[in-house]
N, C-alpha and C. Protein backbone atom coordinates (compact mmCIF):
# COMPACT_ATOMS: atom_id res chain seq x y z
N LEU A 1 -2.71 7.78 -8.37
CA LEU A 1 -2.91 7.18 -7.06
C LEU A 1 -3.48 8.17 -6.07
N GLY A 2 -3.39 9.42 -6.37
CA GLY A 2 -3.85 10.44 -5.43
C GLY A 2 -5.35 10.59 -5.36
N VAL A 3 -6.08 10.00 -6.29
CA VAL A 3 -7.54 10.17 -6.29
C VAL A 3 -8.29 8.88 -5.99
N ALA A 4 -7.59 7.78 -5.77
CA ALA A 4 -8.25 6.49 -5.56
C ALA A 4 -7.93 5.94 -4.18
N ASP A 5 -8.87 5.16 -3.65
CA ASP A 5 -8.63 4.44 -2.40
C ASP A 5 -8.01 3.08 -2.66
N THR A 6 -8.46 2.44 -3.74
CA THR A 6 -7.92 1.13 -4.10
C THR A 6 -7.55 1.12 -5.57
N VAL A 7 -6.63 0.22 -5.90
CA VAL A 7 -6.19 0.04 -7.28
C VAL A 7 -6.34 -1.44 -7.61
N GLN A 8 -7.02 -1.74 -8.70
CA GLN A 8 -7.13 -3.12 -9.17
C GLN A 8 -6.32 -3.25 -10.44
N VAL A 9 -5.47 -4.26 -10.48
CA VAL A 9 -4.64 -4.51 -11.65
C VAL A 9 -5.25 -5.68 -12.41
N MET A 10 -5.47 -5.44 -13.70
CA MET A 10 -6.01 -6.49 -14.57
C MET A 10 -4.98 -6.83 -15.63
N ARG A 11 -4.90 -8.12 -15.93
CA ARG A 11 -4.01 -8.59 -16.99
C ARG A 11 -4.74 -9.68 -17.74
N ARG A 12 -4.82 -9.52 -19.06
CA ARG A 12 -5.51 -10.48 -19.93
C ARG A 12 -6.97 -10.67 -19.51
N GLY A 13 -7.61 -9.59 -19.10
CA GLY A 13 -9.02 -9.62 -18.76
C GLY A 13 -9.35 -10.18 -17.39
N ARG A 14 -8.35 -10.44 -16.59
CA ARG A 14 -8.57 -10.98 -15.24
C ARG A 14 -7.94 -10.07 -14.20
N ARG A 15 -8.62 -9.94 -13.07
CA ARG A 15 -8.05 -9.17 -11.97
C ARG A 15 -6.96 -10.02 -11.32
N VAL A 16 -5.76 -9.48 -11.28
CA VAL A 16 -4.64 -10.22 -10.72
C VAL A 16 -4.21 -9.69 -9.36
N ALA A 17 -4.63 -8.48 -9.02
CA ALA A 17 -4.23 -7.92 -7.73
C ALA A 17 -5.13 -6.74 -7.38
N THR A 18 -5.30 -6.54 -6.08
CA THR A 18 -5.99 -5.37 -5.56
C THR A 18 -5.12 -4.79 -4.46
N TYR A 19 -4.85 -3.50 -4.55
CA TYR A 19 -3.98 -2.83 -3.58
C TYR A 19 -4.68 -1.63 -2.98
N ARG A 20 -4.35 -1.29 -1.76
CA ARG A 20 -4.74 -0.01 -1.19
C ARG A 20 -3.78 1.02 -1.78
N ALA A 21 -4.32 2.07 -2.35
CA ALA A 21 -3.50 3.07 -3.03
C ALA A 21 -2.47 3.70 -2.09
N ALA A 22 -2.88 3.96 -0.86
CA ALA A 22 -1.98 4.62 0.09
C ALA A 22 -0.81 3.73 0.50
N ASP A 23 -0.97 2.41 0.37
CA ASP A 23 0.05 1.47 0.83
C ASP A 23 0.86 0.84 -0.30
N SER A 24 0.65 1.28 -1.54
CA SER A 24 1.34 0.62 -2.65
C SER A 24 2.31 1.58 -3.33
N SER A 25 3.28 0.99 -3.99
CA SER A 25 4.27 1.79 -4.72
C SER A 25 4.09 1.59 -6.21
N ILE A 26 4.63 2.50 -6.98
CA ILE A 26 4.57 2.39 -8.43
C ILE A 26 5.27 1.10 -8.88
N GLU A 27 6.39 0.78 -8.26
CA GLU A 27 7.13 -0.43 -8.63
C GLU A 27 6.30 -1.68 -8.41
N GLU A 28 5.57 -1.71 -7.30
CA GLU A 28 4.72 -2.86 -6.99
C GLU A 28 3.59 -2.99 -8.01
N LEU A 29 2.98 -1.88 -8.38
CA LEU A 29 1.90 -1.91 -9.37
C LEU A 29 2.42 -2.32 -10.74
N VAL A 30 3.56 -1.79 -11.14
CA VAL A 30 4.14 -2.16 -12.43
C VAL A 30 4.48 -3.65 -12.45
N GLY A 31 5.00 -4.15 -11.36
CA GLY A 31 5.30 -5.58 -11.27
C GLY A 31 4.06 -6.43 -11.44
N ALA A 32 2.96 -6.02 -10.84
CA ALA A 32 1.70 -6.76 -11.00
C ALA A 32 1.18 -6.65 -12.43
N MET A 33 1.33 -5.48 -13.04
CA MET A 33 0.86 -5.28 -14.42
C MET A 33 1.63 -6.12 -15.42
N THR A 34 2.92 -6.26 -15.20
CA THR A 34 3.77 -6.96 -16.16
C THR A 34 3.90 -8.45 -15.87
N GLY A 35 3.42 -8.88 -14.71
CA GLY A 35 3.53 -10.29 -14.36
C GLY A 35 4.79 -10.62 -13.59
N LYS A 36 5.61 -9.63 -13.29
CA LYS A 36 6.83 -9.88 -12.52
C LYS A 36 6.49 -10.23 -11.08
N LEU A 37 5.39 -9.69 -10.57
CA LEU A 37 4.90 -10.03 -9.24
C LEU A 37 3.59 -10.77 -9.42
N ASP A 38 3.57 -12.05 -9.15
CA ASP A 38 2.32 -12.78 -9.30
C ASP A 38 1.60 -12.96 -7.98
N GLN A 39 2.13 -12.38 -6.91
CA GLN A 39 1.39 -12.38 -5.67
C GLN A 39 0.86 -10.98 -5.44
N GLY A 40 -0.45 -10.84 -5.44
CA GLY A 40 -1.08 -9.55 -5.24
C GLY A 40 -1.61 -9.44 -3.83
N ALA A 41 -2.08 -8.30 -3.50
CA ALA A 41 -2.67 -8.08 -2.19
C ALA A 41 -4.13 -8.45 -2.17
N SER A 42 -4.62 -9.09 -3.22
CA SER A 42 -6.05 -9.40 -3.29
C SER A 42 -6.41 -10.58 -2.42
């Protein structure tokens, strides 16, 4: 996260969320990756 401005999470070939790296947590990103959080910042 230290080298990116934004993080895009993809699951099953689809973008499911886009986050600002400075404003996101590891837990939030993992939740988006695993499907536990289906509401993204996109």
